[in-house]
Protein backbone atom coordinates (compact mmCIF):
# COMPACT_ATOMS: atom_id res chain seq x y z
CA MET A 1 18.83 22.55 -80.50
CA SER A 2 19.02 26.16 -80.96
CA THR A 3 21.39 27.31 -78.00
CA THR A 4 24.17 29.88 -77.81
CA ALA A 5 27.87 28.90 -77.31
CA ALA A 6 26.99 30.61 -73.65
CA THR A 7 24.05 28.46 -72.74
CA GLU A 8 25.63 25.58 -74.30
CA SER A 9 28.62 26.48 -71.39
CA GLN A 10 25.92 27.16 -68.85
CA ILE A 11 23.99 23.85 -69.55
CA ARG A 12 27.45 22.12 -69.06
CA VAL A 13 28.01 23.73 -65.74
CA LEU A 14 24.57 22.70 -64.14
CA ILE A 15 24.59 19.56 -65.45
CA ASP A 16 27.42 18.64 -63.92
CA ALA A 17 26.32 20.32 -60.28
CA VAL A 18 23.15 18.41 -60.45
CA ASP A 19 25.78 14.73 -60.81
CA ARG A 20 27.85 16.14 -58.11
CA ALA A 21 25.35 16.64 -55.69
CA ASP A 22 23.89 13.51 -56.36
CA ARG A 23 27.55 12.09 -55.86
CA GLU A 24 27.52 14.03 -52.52
CA GLY A 25 24.13 12.59 -51.35
CA ASN A 26 22.87 16.43 -51.43
CA ARG A 27 19.39 15.45 -53.03
CA ARG A 28 17.91 18.51 -52.40
CA GLU A 29 20.53 20.36 -53.97
CA ALA A 30 20.38 17.94 -56.82
CA GLU A 31 16.77 18.64 -57.47
CA ARG A 32 17.14 22.37 -57.11
CA VAL A 33 19.72 22.55 -59.73
CA LEU A 34 17.82 20.21 -62.11
CA ALA A 35 15.12 22.53 -61.96
CA GLN A 36 17.35 25.35 -62.88
CA ALA A 37 18.64 23.85 -65.76
CA ARG A 38 15.01 22.66 -66.92
CA ALA A 39 13.58 26.18 -66.76
CA ALA A 40 17.05 27.39 -68.86
CA ALA A 41 16.77 24.76 -71.41
CA PRO A 42 13.46 22.77 -71.58
CA ASP A 43 14.60 21.32 -74.67
CA ASP A 44 17.95 20.28 -74.26
CA PRO A 45 18.41 16.30 -74.60
CA ARG A 46 20.94 16.04 -72.09
CA VAL A 47 19.05 17.98 -69.29
CA LEU A 48 16.12 15.89 -70.57
CA ASN A 49 18.02 12.60 -70.15
CA VAL A 50 19.27 13.91 -66.73
CA ALA A 51 15.86 14.07 -65.36
CA GLY A 52 14.28 10.79 -66.88
CA MET A 53 17.32 8.79 -65.48
CA ARG A 54 17.04 10.82 -61.55
CA ALA A 55 13.28 10.15 -62.24
CA LEU A 56 14.18 6.04 -63.08
CA LEU A 57 16.50 5.67 -60.51
CA GLY A 58 14.31 7.56 -57.84
CA GLY A 59 11.63 4.01 -58.91
CA ASP A 60 9.11 6.46 -60.94
CA ALA A 61 9.57 4.46 -64.27
CA GLY A 62 6.55 6.23 -65.54
CA ALA A 63 7.58 9.79 -65.08
CA ALA A 64 10.95 9.05 -66.85
CA ARG A 65 9.62 7.15 -70.01
CA PRO A 66 8.13 10.40 -71.13
CA LEU A 67 11.24 12.38 -70.33
CA LEU A 68 13.55 9.82 -72.26
CA GLU A 69 11.70 9.20 -74.68
CA ARG A 70 11.48 13.12 -75.51
CA ALA A 71 15.34 13.15 -75.23
CA ALA A 72 15.96 10.46 -77.48
CA ALA A 73 13.65 11.99 -80.20
CA LEU A 74 15.55 15.24 -80.22
CA ASP A 75 18.91 13.56 -79.99
CA PRO A 76 18.26 10.39 -82.05
CA GLY A 77 21.96 9.51 -83.13
CA SER A 78 23.32 9.32 -79.94
CA PRO A 79 22.79 5.79 -78.46
CA MET A 80 22.75 6.59 -74.42
CA PRO A 81 19.14 8.51 -74.26
CA TRP A 82 17.69 5.32 -76.38
CA LEU A 83 19.39 2.73 -73.66
CA ASN A 84 18.36 4.98 -70.91
CA LEU A 85 14.66 4.65 -72.36
CA ALA A 86 14.95 0.94 -72.75
CA LEU A 87 15.67 0.64 -68.78
CA ALA A 88 12.45 2.48 -68.53
CA HIS A 89 10.67 0.05 -70.84
CA ARG A 90 12.13 -2.71 -68.77
CA GLU A 91 10.95 -1.39 -65.17
CA LEU A 92 7.46 -0.67 -66.81
CA LYS A 93 7.78 -4.22 -68.03
CA ASP A 94 6.85 -3.34 -72.00
CA GLU A 95 9.79 -5.54 -73.44
CA GLY A 96 8.64 -4.81 -77.17
CA ALA A 97 9.04 -1.18 -76.24
CA GLU A 98 12.78 -2.08 -74.55
CA ARG A 99 13.94 -4.10 -77.59
CA ASP A 100 12.74 -1.17 -80.15
CA ALA A 101 14.62 1.46 -77.81
CA LEU A 102 17.83 -1.12 -78.06
CA GLU A 103 17.57 -1.75 -81.48
CA ARG A 104 17.55 2.32 -82.03
CA ALA A 105 20.71 3.17 -79.42
CA LEU A 106 22.64 0.16 -81.69
CA THR A 107 21.31 1.63 -84.93
CA ALA A 108 23.14 5.05 -83.43
CA ASP A 109 26.42 2.69 -82.70
CA PRO A 110 26.27 -0.95 -83.31
CA ARG A 111 29.21 -1.46 -81.07
CA PHE A 112 27.82 0.61 -78.19
CA PHE A 113 28.43 -2.44 -75.94
CA PRO A 114 26.27 -1.38 -72.98
CA ALA A 115 23.24 -1.73 -75.37
CA LEU A 116 24.81 -4.92 -76.32
CA LEU A 117 24.63 -6.21 -72.71
CA HIS A 118 21.03 -5.23 -72.02
CA LYS A 119 20.12 -6.94 -75.30
CA ALA A 120 21.51 -10.14 -74.31
CA ARG A 121 20.05 -9.44 -70.66
CA LEU A 122 16.33 -9.21 -72.38
CA PHE A 123 16.86 -12.27 -74.20
CA GLU A 124 17.90 -14.08 -71.20
CA ARG A 125 14.99 -12.85 -69.10
CA GLN A 126 12.66 -14.11 -72.50
CA GLY A 127 14.34 -17.74 -72.25
CA LYS A 128 15.90 -17.15 -75.86
CA LEU A 129 19.38 -18.44 -74.71
CA LYS A 130 20.90 -19.35 -77.86
CA GLN A 131 20.01 -15.44 -78.98
CA ALA A 132 21.42 -14.23 -75.60
CA ALA A 133 24.88 -16.30 -76.08
CA TYR A 134 24.98 -14.79 -79.48
CA MET A 135 24.63 -11.19 -78.09
CA TYR A 136 26.90 -11.71 -75.03
CA HIS A 137 29.49 -12.77 -77.14
CA ALA A 138 28.50 -9.57 -79.55
CA PHE A 139 29.07 -7.72 -75.76
CA LEU A 140 32.55 -9.27 -75.14
CA CYS A 141 33.79 -8.34 -78.57
CA CYS A 142 32.79 -4.71 -78.24
CA VAL A 143 34.06 -4.01 -74.37
CA PRO A 144 37.25 -1.94 -74.87
CA PRO A 145 40.50 -4.00 -73.87
CA GLY A 146 43.15 -3.03 -71.87
CA VAL A 147 41.09 -0.80 -69.60
CA GLN A 148 40.04 -0.98 -65.84
CA HIS A 149 36.42 -1.37 -66.21
CA PRO A 150 34.11 -0.55 -63.43
CA ALA A 151 32.84 -3.76 -61.32
CA ALA A 152 29.40 -4.22 -62.86
CA VAL A 153 30.97 -4.10 -66.00
CA LYS A 154 33.08 -7.26 -64.65
CA SER A 155 30.54 -9.04 -63.31
CA ALA A 156 28.86 -8.69 -66.69
CA MET A 157 31.48 -10.25 -68.25
CA GLU A 158 31.66 -12.97 -65.94
CA HIS A 159 28.45 -13.98 -66.42
CA ALA A 160 28.49 -13.59 -70.53
CA ASN A 161 31.52 -16.05 -70.08
CA GLU A 162 29.57 -18.39 -68.14
CA VAL A 163 26.42 -18.01 -70.49
CA LEU A 164 28.81 -18.82 -73.35
CA ARG A 165 30.27 -21.69 -71.64
CA ASP A 166 26.53 -23.13 -71.12
CA ASN A 167 26.19 -22.35 -74.85
CA ASP A 168 28.89 -24.09 -76.13
CA ALA A 169 28.23 -27.20 -73.86
CA ALA A 170 24.90 -27.55 -75.37
CA LEU A 171 26.14 -27.21 -79.05
CA GLU A 172 28.45 -29.90 -78.46
CA THR A 173 25.62 -32.21 -76.97
CA PHE A 174 23.73 -31.84 -80.21
CA LEU A 175 26.55 -32.11 -82.49
CA ARG A 176 28.15 -34.83 -81.03
CA PRO A 177 25.54 -37.78 -82.66
CA ARG A 178 25.90 -36.38 -86.23
CA LEU A 179 29.64 -35.92 -85.60
CA SER A 180 29.69 -39.95 -84.65
CA GLU A 181 27.85 -40.76 -87.63
CA ALA A 182 30.22 -38.67 -90.08
CA ARG A 183 33.23 -40.13 -88.16
CA ALA A 184 32.25 -43.73 -89.19
CA ARG A 185 32.27 -42.92 -92.94
CA HIS A 186 35.95 -41.84 -92.34
CA ALA A 187 37.09 -44.55 -90.28
CA GLY A 188 41.29 -44.62 -90.44
CA ALA A 189 41.51 -41.10 -91.38
CA ARG A 190 43.64 -38.74 -89.85
CA LEU A 191 41.53 -35.95 -88.24
CA GLU A 192 43.93 -34.02 -85.45
CA ARG A 193 43.26 -30.68 -87.51
CA PHE A 194 39.37 -31.22 -87.76
CA ASP A 195 39.45 -32.00 -83.97
CA ALA A 196 41.04 -29.05 -83.20
CA CYS A 197 38.88 -26.95 -85.56
CA PHE A 198 35.57 -28.51 -83.32
CA ASP A 199 37.59 -28.11 -80.25
CA ALA A 200 38.09 -24.51 -80.84
CA LEU A 201 34.29 -24.08 -82.05
CA ILE A 202 33.08 -25.29 -78.83
CA GLY A 203 35.00 -23.29 -76.60
CA LYS A 204 37.48 -26.15 -75.61
CA ARG A 205 40.63 -24.91 -77.34
CA ARG A 206 41.80 -21.45 -77.34
CA VAL A 207 43.12 -19.82 -80.64
CA PHE A 208 46.69 -18.88 -80.82
CA ALA A 209 48.06 -17.29 -83.72
CA PRO A 210 52.18 -16.52 -84.59
CA GLN A 211 53.34 -13.37 -82.46
CA PRO A 212 57.23 -13.27 -83.84
CA THR A 213 59.07 -10.85 -81.72
CA PHE A 214 61.24 -10.11 -84.85
CA MET A 215 60.35 -11.26 -88.39
CA LEU A 216 56.81 -12.69 -89.72
CA PHE A 217 56.98 -14.43 -93.07
CA PRO A 218 53.19 -13.91 -94.08
CA ARG A 219 51.44 -17.01 -96.21
CA LEU A 220 53.39 -19.73 -94.14
CA PRO A 221 50.71 -22.47 -92.54
CA ALA A 222 50.39 -21.57 -88.69
CA ILE A 223 50.92 -24.93 -87.52
CA GLU A 224 51.87 -25.59 -83.91
CA PHE A 225 53.58 -28.89 -83.77
CA LEU A 226 54.23 -29.97 -87.18
CA ASP A 227 53.78 -33.25 -88.49
CA ARG A 228 56.83 -35.62 -87.65
CA GLY A 229 56.28 -37.57 -90.52
CA ASP A 230 57.32 -34.84 -92.91
CA PHE A 231 61.03 -34.93 -91.19
CA ARG A 232 62.12 -38.36 -91.63
CA TRP A 233 65.90 -36.92 -91.69
CA LEU A 234 65.14 -36.96 -87.90
CA ASP A 235 64.93 -41.06 -88.00
CA PRO A 236 68.94 -40.97 -87.36
CA PHE A 237 68.74 -38.52 -84.81
CA GLU A 238 66.51 -41.04 -82.59
CA ALA A 239 68.35 -43.84 -83.49
CA ALA A 240 71.40 -42.14 -81.83
CA ALA A 241 69.23 -41.39 -78.84
CA ASP A 242 71.56 -43.26 -75.96
CA GLU A 243 74.44 -41.73 -77.63
CA ILE A 244 73.21 -38.37 -77.88
CA ARG A 245 72.10 -38.45 -74.29
CA ALA A 246 75.49 -40.16 -72.71
CA GLU A 247 77.29 -37.16 -74.62
CA ALA A 248 74.97 -34.59 -72.89
CA ARG A 249 75.05 -36.23 -69.41
CA ALA A 250 79.12 -36.41 -69.81
CA ALA A 251 79.23 -32.50 -70.89
CA LEU A 252 76.70 -31.81 -67.58
CA ALA A 253 79.34 -34.10 -65.68
CA GLN A 254 82.46 -32.74 -66.83
CA ALA A 255 82.12 -29.38 -68.10
CA ALA A 256 79.02 -27.96 -65.77
CA ASP A 257 81.13 -24.47 -66.01
CA ASP A 258 80.25 -24.39 -69.69
CA PHE A 259 76.34 -24.79 -68.81
CA VAL A 260 75.39 -21.26 -68.90
CA PRO A 261 72.20 -19.36 -68.22
CA TYR A 262 70.21 -19.12 -71.50
CA ILE A 263 68.41 -15.95 -70.06
CA SER A 264 71.06 -13.20 -69.69
CA LYS A 265 69.70 -9.78 -70.17
CA PRO A 266 72.05 -6.66 -68.84
CA ALA A 267 71.08 -4.45 -66.15
CA GLY A 268 68.51 -2.18 -67.16
CA SER A 269 66.69 -4.26 -69.71
CA PRO A 270 62.93 -5.02 -69.39
CA LEU A 271 62.94 -8.41 -67.93
CA ASP A 272 59.16 -9.06 -67.51
CA GLN A 273 58.49 -12.66 -67.61
CA TRP A 274 62.40 -13.36 -67.63
CA GLN A 275 62.70 -11.99 -63.71
CA GLU A 276 63.28 -15.22 -62.25
CA LEU A 277 65.37 -16.99 -64.56
CA ASN A 278 67.58 -13.71 -65.68
CA ASN A 279 70.84 -14.97 -65.24
CA SER A 280 70.16 -18.31 -63.25
CA LYS A 281 71.19 -21.84 -64.03
CA ARG A 282 68.07 -23.19 -63.16
CA TRP A 283 67.76 -22.97 -67.21
CA SER A 284 71.15 -23.49 -68.61
CA THR A 285 72.19 -24.18 -71.87
CA PHE A 286 75.35 -25.94 -73.44
CA PHE A 287 76.03 -24.81 -76.49
CA LEU A 288 77.59 -26.53 -79.61
CA LEU A 289 76.17 -23.96 -82.14
CA LYS A 290 75.45 -20.41 -80.95
CA ASN A 291 74.17 -17.64 -83.95
CA GLY A 292 76.06 -19.30 -86.68
CA GLU A 293 79.40 -19.80 -84.93
CA ARG A 294 80.50 -23.37 -83.92
CA ILE A 295 81.61 -24.13 -80.50
CA GLU A 296 84.52 -26.29 -81.29
CA GLU A 297 85.46 -27.36 -77.82
CA HIS A 298 81.96 -28.66 -77.05
CA LEU A 299 81.65 -29.96 -80.49
CA ALA A 300 84.40 -32.08 -80.00
CA ARG A 301 83.32 -33.30 -76.61
CA CYS A 302 79.99 -34.47 -78.44
CA PRO A 303 80.99 -36.03 -81.60
CA ARG A 304 77.88 -38.01 -82.63
CA THR A 305 75.81 -35.22 -81.64
CA ALA A 306 77.94 -32.92 -83.51
CA ALA A 307 78.23 -35.29 -86.89
CA LEU A 308 74.54 -35.20 -86.90
CA LEU A 309 73.77 -31.84 -86.74
CA ALA A 310 76.36 -31.07 -89.57
CA ALA A 311 73.67 -33.59 -91.66
CA ALA A 312 70.72 -31.83 -90.48
CA PRO A 313 69.09 -29.29 -92.79
CA LEU A 314 69.97 -26.50 -90.27
CA CYS A 315 68.90 -22.70 -90.93
CA GLU A 316 71.77 -20.90 -91.98
CA ILE A 317 72.01 -17.23 -91.84
CA ARG A 318 75.86 -15.67 -91.25
CA GLY A 319 75.94 -14.43 -87.84
CA HIS A 320 72.34 -15.44 -86.68
CA ALA A 321 71.79 -19.33 -86.76
CA PRO A 322 72.24 -21.94 -86.40
CA THR A 323 71.49 -22.53 -82.88
CA ALA A 324 71.92 -25.84 -81.50
CA PHE A 325 72.50 -26.44 -77.27
CA PHE A 326 71.76 -29.06 -74.61
CA SER A 327 69.27 -27.36 -72.72
CA VAL A 328 68.81 -28.48 -68.87
CA LEU A 329 66.03 -27.25 -66.87
CA ALA A 330 66.22 -27.67 -63.18
CA PRO A 331 63.98 -29.16 -60.87
CA LYS A 332 60.94 -27.44 -59.98
CA THR A 333 61.33 -24.95 -62.55
CA ARG A 334 59.32 -23.34 -65.20
CA ILE A 335 59.78 -21.28 -68.33
CA PRO A 336 57.51 -18.95 -68.59
CA PRO A 337 55.30 -18.35 -71.87
CA HIS A 338 57.05 -16.55 -74.36
CA THR A 339 57.16 -16.56 -78.31
CA GLY A 340 60.09 -16.76 -80.50
CA VAL A 341 61.80 -14.26 -82.85
CA THR A 342 60.91 -15.64 -86.25
CA ASN A 343 58.37 -18.14 -88.46
CA THR A 344 60.97 -18.32 -90.82
CA ARG A 345 62.35 -21.03 -89.28
CA LEU A 346 61.19 -24.30 -86.70
CA ILE A 347 62.18 -25.49 -83.98
CA VAL A 348 63.36 -29.38 -82.95
CA HIS A 349 63.25 -30.53 -79.38
CA MET A 350 64.69 -34.00 -78.41
CA ALA A 351 64.14 -35.49 -75.32
CA LEU A 352 67.02 -36.77 -73.61
CA ALA A 353 66.22 -37.11 -69.82
CA VAL A 354 62.70 -36.33 -69.04
CA PRO A 355 61.46 -37.09 -65.52
CA PRO A 356 57.82 -37.21 -64.57
CA SER A 357 56.22 -34.03 -64.29
CA CYS A 358 57.52 -32.22 -67.03
CA GLY A 359 55.65 -30.95 -69.77
CA PHE A 360 55.76 -28.68 -72.80
CA ARG A 361 52.64 -26.46 -74.59
CA VAL A 362 52.74 -24.73 -77.50
CA GLY A 363 49.92 -22.62 -78.32
CA ALA A 364 46.66 -24.78 -77.49
CA GLU A 365 48.15 -28.01 -77.38
CA THR A 366 50.24 -29.80 -74.85
CA ARG A 367 52.43 -32.38 -75.17
CA GLU A 368 53.91 -35.29 -72.87
CA TRP A 369 57.91 -35.92 -73.62
CA ARG A 370 58.89 -39.23 -74.65
CA GLU A 371 62.55 -39.55 -73.86
CA GLY A 372 64.70 -40.34 -77.29
CA ARG A 373 62.08 -39.09 -79.57
CA THR A 374 61.64 -35.51 -81.40
CA TRP A 375 59.41 -32.80 -82.29
CA VAL A 376 59.19 -29.81 -84.60
CA PHE A 377 57.51 -26.75 -83.71
CA ASP A 378 56.55 -23.06 -84.56
CA ASP A 379 57.78 -21.32 -81.48
CA THR A 380 56.56 -17.80 -82.36
CA PHE A 381 53.12 -19.11 -81.35
CA GLU A 382 53.25 -18.81 -77.30
CA HIS A 383 54.81 -21.70 -75.64
CA GLU A 384 56.36 -22.68 -72.27
CA ALA A 385 57.99 -25.64 -70.61
CA TRP A 386 58.03 -26.91 -66.80
CA ASN A 387 59.85 -29.53 -64.51
CA GLY A 388 57.71 -30.36 -61.75
CA SER A 389 60.21 -33.10 -61.00
CA ASP A 390 63.36 -33.70 -58.45
CA GLU A 391 65.59 -34.41 -61.13
CA PRO A 392 66.90 -32.24 -64.38
CA ARG A 393 65.09 -32.13 -67.88
CA ILE A 394 67.68 -32.34 -70.43
CA VAL A 395 66.58 -31.47 -73.84
CA LEU A 396 68.71 -31.13 -77.26
CA ILE A 397 67.51 -28.17 -79.42
CA PHE A 398 68.24 -26.82 -82.76
CA ASP A 399 66.69 -24.76 -85.54
CA VAL A 400 65.92 -25.50 -89.18
CA TRP A 401 64.50 -23.96 -92.13
CA ASN A 402 60.37 -23.71 -92.20
CA SER A 403 60.03 -26.26 -94.59
CA PHE A 404 57.48 -24.36 -96.26
CA LEU A 405 60.10 -21.70 -97.39
CA THR A 406 61.35 -21.89 -101.06
CA ALA A 407 65.20 -21.90 -101.45
CA PRO A 408 64.71 -17.93 -102.95
CA GLU A 409 62.66 -17.07 -100.14
CA ARG A 410 65.31 -18.50 -97.33
CA ASP A 411 68.15 -16.49 -99.38
CA LEU A 412 66.30 -13.34 -99.05
CA VAL A 413 65.55 -13.85 -95.55
CA ALA A 414 69.06 -14.57 -94.86
CA VAL A 415 69.77 -11.43 -96.66
CA VAL A 416 67.69 -8.98 -95.19
CA THR A 417 68.31 -10.61 -91.40
CA GLN A 418 71.92 -9.81 -92.18
CA GLY A 419 71.43 -6.30 -93.12
CA VAL A 420 69.14 -5.88 -90.09
CA GLN A 421 72.45 -6.97 -88.12
CA GLU A 422 74.69 -4.57 -89.91
CA TYR A 423 72.28 -1.85 -89.37
CA SER A 424 71.65 -2.66 -86.01
CA GLU A 425 75.51 -2.65 -85.22
CA GLY A 426 76.07 -6.08 -84.61
CA GLU A 427 72.97 -6.84 -82.36
CA SER A 428 71.25 -10.05 -83.69
CA PRO A 429 67.56 -10.41 -83.55
CA PHE A 430 67.94 -14.51 -83.14
CA ARG A 431 67.19 -16.24 -79.99
CA GLN A 432 65.38 -19.13 -79.19
CA GLY A 433 63.97 -21.10 -76.55
CA GLY A 434 61.81 -24.10 -74.51
């Protein structure tokens, strides 16, 4: 395009004036200014695009097509004229030309989500539902996240998700007979990991990733709940469940003031999801160990629990870990979704007093509590807990080293974590919850 800088400025002013007049409903003024723009720059692709779209929106796709074809030919590297040309072809019922124009738009910008959307809609109109689902998925992946989209885009996203759900259901129906036959070849095998894989494939399971708030140790297996069978040292805890429960109840009855709010952020801190629980005993804790320090008075009240903790492979980092406590969640209370500080340690929960209507979710997996039983999980996955009953829920919680870390790796993690505390003038980055 051979226009001077001044002409460029004039063209932009004229195009803006056309747009403003249309928004104000002043069609006559819009047509007058557009005629002026076309006279001043008859081969400017922006002017041709505006003229073509005004004709298309006015119901004259026949008049719009040559204008948009000329605009796209003059500016082939821009996806918008090709998209607008595709819309004109759509109105003229020319699906082959519509698809060609959409392909040209996506050649100019493969992530141009409006073109992906219209290509998905073309496939859907043609009854090619599998191809439509593929394109709707691409559209959703390319829509910019974290911005406020117009109502039309929101509606398109909702429809895209609906098409994907239908396609996932059809895929599941297609695969189930094959899967049943294959399962028969592996009777008795443990298939929990495959089941999670399949459920994620067909849209029945969300995919979560570790999101520690402090330290991520790469290349560790990302597992929400670890195999309880790999932690046989927990057997003595479960064998002593009645004694541990009795010590927790006695502490709650005799030393209620020592149960402190787990969430206790100072004034001025960003509370986010912790607004309701900050400085509240609706989620309270009786610490036995805290940031690597022994709470001797509390340990003395709970000798059986103390002895078991002393024999466990706790995560030990001076000034940081281990931490062990009885966690009490009041009736009708929910701990909101959150993530822990590091995947270098794992969290143990032992259910002591769990009334009905309590639950716990880590990532995509929700489990029911069983009193006297333990589980081990990675709290850097998003997790939450709730007590919908009329009685308190009591759980023993403590942290252990991630079992996939080697002894040298543990030592180095401890050195770095302690160094961070020294650098931060005594502030510990370790906290845990549930």
